N, C-alpha and C. Protein backbone atom coordinates (compact mmCIF):
# COMPACT_ATOMS: atom_id res chain seq x y z
N MET A 1 -12.97 13.60 -3.03
CA MET A 1 -11.55 13.31 -2.99
C MET A 1 -11.35 11.88 -2.49
N GLU A 2 -10.37 11.24 -3.07
CA GLU A 2 -10.07 9.88 -2.62
C GLU A 2 -8.61 9.55 -2.85
N ILE A 3 -8.12 8.63 -2.06
CA ILE A 3 -6.77 8.11 -2.22
C ILE A 3 -6.90 6.72 -2.85
N ILE A 4 -6.23 6.53 -3.95
CA ILE A 4 -6.24 5.24 -4.64
C ILE A 4 -4.97 4.48 -4.24
N VAL A 5 -5.15 3.25 -3.82
CA VAL A 5 -4.03 2.42 -3.37
C VAL A 5 -3.65 1.46 -4.50
N ASN A 6 -2.44 1.64 -5.01
CA ASN A 6 -1.93 0.79 -6.09
C ASN A 6 -0.91 -0.23 -5.58
N LEU A 7 -1.01 -0.58 -4.33
CA LEU A 7 -0.05 -1.51 -3.73
C LEU A 7 -0.05 -2.85 -4.44
N ASP A 8 -1.21 -3.35 -4.81
CA ASP A 8 -1.27 -4.65 -5.49
C ASP A 8 -0.56 -4.61 -6.84
N VAL A 9 -0.64 -3.47 -7.52
CA VAL A 9 0.02 -3.31 -8.82
C VAL A 9 1.54 -3.35 -8.64
N VAL A 10 2.03 -2.59 -7.66
CA VAL A 10 3.47 -2.55 -7.41
C VAL A 10 3.97 -3.93 -6.96
N MET A 11 3.20 -4.59 -6.13
CA MET A 11 3.58 -5.93 -5.68
C MET A 11 3.65 -6.90 -6.86
N ALA A 12 2.69 -6.82 -7.76
CA ALA A 12 2.69 -7.70 -8.93
C ALA A 12 3.89 -7.43 -9.83
N MET A 13 4.22 -6.15 -10.00
CA MET A 13 5.37 -5.78 -10.83
C MET A 13 6.68 -6.33 -10.24
N ARG A 14 6.74 -6.39 -8.91
CA ARG A 14 7.95 -6.87 -8.22
C ARG A 14 7.88 -8.38 -7.91
N LYS A 15 6.75 -8.98 -8.29
CA LYS A 15 6.53 -10.42 -8.03
C LYS A 15 6.68 -10.75 -6.55
N VAL A 16 6.02 -9.94 -5.71
CA VAL A 16 6.05 -10.13 -4.25
C VAL A 16 4.65 -10.54 -3.81
N SER A 17 4.55 -11.61 -3.05
CA SER A 17 3.25 -12.08 -2.56
C SER A 17 2.85 -11.31 -1.31
N SER A 18 1.57 -11.36 -1.01
CA SER A 18 1.06 -10.72 0.20
C SER A 18 1.71 -11.33 1.44
N LYS A 19 1.84 -12.64 1.43
CA LYS A 19 2.45 -13.33 2.57
C LYS A 19 3.88 -12.86 2.79
N GLU A 20 4.63 -12.76 1.72
CA GLU A 20 6.03 -12.33 1.80
C GLU A 20 6.15 -10.90 2.32
N LEU A 21 5.35 -9.98 1.77
CA LEU A 21 5.42 -8.58 2.18
C LEU A 21 4.96 -8.41 3.62
N ALA A 22 3.87 -9.06 3.98
CA ALA A 22 3.36 -8.95 5.35
C ALA A 22 4.41 -9.40 6.36
N LYS A 23 5.06 -10.51 6.06
CA LYS A 23 6.09 -11.03 6.96
C LYS A 23 7.27 -10.07 7.03
N ALA A 24 7.66 -9.52 5.90
CA ALA A 24 8.83 -8.63 5.84
C ALA A 24 8.62 -7.34 6.62
N ILE A 25 7.39 -6.82 6.63
CA ILE A 25 7.15 -5.53 7.30
C ILE A 25 6.50 -5.69 8.66
N GLY A 26 6.18 -6.92 9.04
CA GLY A 26 5.68 -7.17 10.38
C GLY A 26 4.23 -6.85 10.63
N ILE A 27 3.38 -7.08 9.61
CA ILE A 27 1.94 -6.94 9.81
C ILE A 27 1.26 -8.22 9.36
N THR A 28 0.01 -8.38 9.73
CA THR A 28 -0.71 -9.59 9.33
C THR A 28 -1.13 -9.50 7.87
N GLU A 29 -1.34 -10.65 7.26
CA GLU A 29 -1.84 -10.67 5.89
C GLU A 29 -3.22 -10.02 5.81
N ALA A 30 -4.02 -10.17 6.87
CA ALA A 30 -5.35 -9.56 6.89
C ALA A 30 -5.24 -8.04 6.85
N ASN A 31 -4.33 -7.48 7.64
CA ASN A 31 -4.16 -6.02 7.63
C ASN A 31 -3.59 -5.53 6.31
N LEU A 32 -2.70 -6.30 5.72
CA LEU A 32 -2.16 -5.94 4.41
C LEU A 32 -3.26 -5.96 3.36
N SER A 33 -4.14 -6.94 3.44
CA SER A 33 -5.27 -7.04 2.52
C SER A 33 -6.17 -5.81 2.63
N LEU A 34 -6.44 -5.39 3.85
CA LEU A 34 -7.26 -4.19 4.06
C LEU A 34 -6.58 -2.97 3.45
N LEU A 35 -5.29 -2.86 3.64
CA LEU A 35 -4.54 -1.74 3.08
C LEU A 35 -4.58 -1.76 1.55
N LYS A 36 -4.37 -2.94 0.97
CA LYS A 36 -4.40 -3.07 -0.49
C LYS A 36 -5.74 -2.67 -1.08
N ARG A 37 -6.81 -2.94 -0.35
CA ARG A 37 -8.16 -2.62 -0.84
C ARG A 37 -8.60 -1.20 -0.46
N GLY A 38 -7.75 -0.46 0.22
CA GLY A 38 -8.08 0.91 0.60
C GLY A 38 -9.13 0.98 1.69
N LYS A 39 -9.22 -0.05 2.51
CA LYS A 39 -10.26 -0.13 3.54
C LYS A 39 -9.76 0.33 4.91
N VAL A 40 -8.64 1.06 4.94
CA VAL A 40 -8.10 1.57 6.20
C VAL A 40 -8.28 3.08 6.25
N LYS A 41 -8.38 3.62 7.44
CA LYS A 41 -8.52 5.07 7.62
C LYS A 41 -7.19 5.78 7.50
N GLY A 42 -6.11 5.05 7.76
CA GLY A 42 -4.79 5.66 7.70
C GLY A 42 -3.71 4.60 7.73
N VAL A 43 -2.49 5.04 7.44
CA VAL A 43 -1.34 4.15 7.48
C VAL A 43 -0.20 4.92 8.14
N ARG A 44 0.51 4.25 9.04
CA ARG A 44 1.63 4.91 9.72
C ARG A 44 2.77 5.13 8.73
N PHE A 45 3.46 6.26 8.90
CA PHE A 45 4.61 6.54 8.03
C PHE A 45 5.65 5.43 8.13
N GLU A 46 5.82 4.87 9.30
CA GLU A 46 6.79 3.79 9.49
C GLU A 46 6.42 2.59 8.62
N THR A 47 5.14 2.24 8.60
CA THR A 47 4.68 1.12 7.78
C THR A 47 4.87 1.43 6.30
N LEU A 48 4.51 2.64 5.89
CA LEU A 48 4.67 3.05 4.50
C LEU A 48 6.14 3.01 4.10
N ALA A 49 7.01 3.47 4.98
CA ALA A 49 8.45 3.45 4.71
C ALA A 49 8.96 2.02 4.56
N GLN A 50 8.48 1.11 5.40
CA GLN A 50 8.90 -0.29 5.31
C GLN A 50 8.44 -0.91 4.00
N ILE A 51 7.21 -0.60 3.60
CA ILE A 51 6.69 -1.11 2.32
C ILE A 51 7.55 -0.60 1.17
N CYS A 52 7.81 0.71 1.16
CA CYS A 52 8.59 1.31 0.08
C CYS A 52 10.01 0.76 0.05
N ASN A 53 10.59 0.56 1.22
CA ASN A 53 11.94 0.01 1.29
C ASN A 53 11.97 -1.41 0.72
N TYR A 54 11.01 -2.23 1.12
CA TYR A 54 10.99 -3.62 0.66
C TYR A 54 10.71 -3.72 -0.84
N LEU A 55 9.80 -2.88 -1.33
CA LEU A 55 9.41 -2.94 -2.75
C LEU A 55 10.28 -2.04 -3.63
N ASP A 56 11.22 -1.31 -3.00
CA ASP A 56 12.09 -0.39 -3.73
C ASP A 56 11.27 0.57 -4.59
N CYS A 57 10.37 1.29 -3.93
CA CYS A 57 9.51 2.24 -4.63
C CYS A 57 9.33 3.50 -3.78
N GLN A 58 8.59 4.44 -4.31
CA GLN A 58 8.27 5.68 -3.61
C GLN A 58 6.82 5.63 -3.15
N PRO A 59 6.46 6.41 -2.11
CA PRO A 59 5.06 6.44 -1.66
C PRO A 59 4.08 6.78 -2.78
N GLY A 60 4.49 7.64 -3.69
CA GLY A 60 3.63 8.02 -4.81
C GLY A 60 3.37 6.90 -5.80
N ASP A 61 4.19 5.87 -5.75
CA ASP A 61 3.95 4.69 -6.60
C ASP A 61 2.80 3.86 -6.04
N ILE A 62 2.60 3.97 -4.73
CA ILE A 62 1.61 3.15 -4.03
C ILE A 62 0.30 3.90 -3.81
N LEU A 63 0.41 5.18 -3.46
CA LEU A 63 -0.76 6.00 -3.13
C LEU A 63 -0.91 7.13 -4.13
N VAL A 64 -2.11 7.28 -4.68
CA VAL A 64 -2.39 8.32 -5.66
C VAL A 64 -3.61 9.10 -5.20
N PHE A 65 -3.51 10.43 -5.22
CA PHE A 65 -4.63 11.28 -4.84
C PHE A 65 -5.47 11.57 -6.07
N ASN A 66 -6.77 11.31 -5.98
CA ASN A 66 -7.70 11.55 -7.07
C ASN A 66 -8.70 12.60 -6.62
N LYS A 67 -8.56 13.79 -7.14
CA LYS A 67 -9.46 14.87 -6.76
C LYS A 67 -10.68 14.83 -7.67
N LYS A 68 -11.81 14.53 -7.06
CA LYS A 68 -13.08 14.51 -7.80
C LYS A 68 -13.76 15.85 -7.62
N ASP A 69 -14.59 16.22 -8.58
CA ASP A 69 -15.38 17.44 -8.44
C ASP A 69 -16.38 17.25 -7.32
N GLU A 70 -16.36 18.19 -6.38
CA GLU A 70 -17.30 18.12 -5.26
C GLU A 70 -18.46 19.06 -5.51
N VAL A 71 -19.63 18.63 -5.08
CA VAL A 71 -20.84 19.43 -5.28
C VAL A 71 -20.99 20.41 -4.14
């Protein structure tokens, strides 16, 4: 099982830069980069809500659950 982060896709569709989004939601560009690459263990609901509010999207537009067959 994995969570796929499509934040970069949504940002590109809205023509929003990493610098702009990071500043708007109050996190560093480095932390935003980690989130975009799926290199974080979790994300606070508050942060997710701020991202969705700024990008005018839903959490499901950014995060997708991919259920892989497990052995």
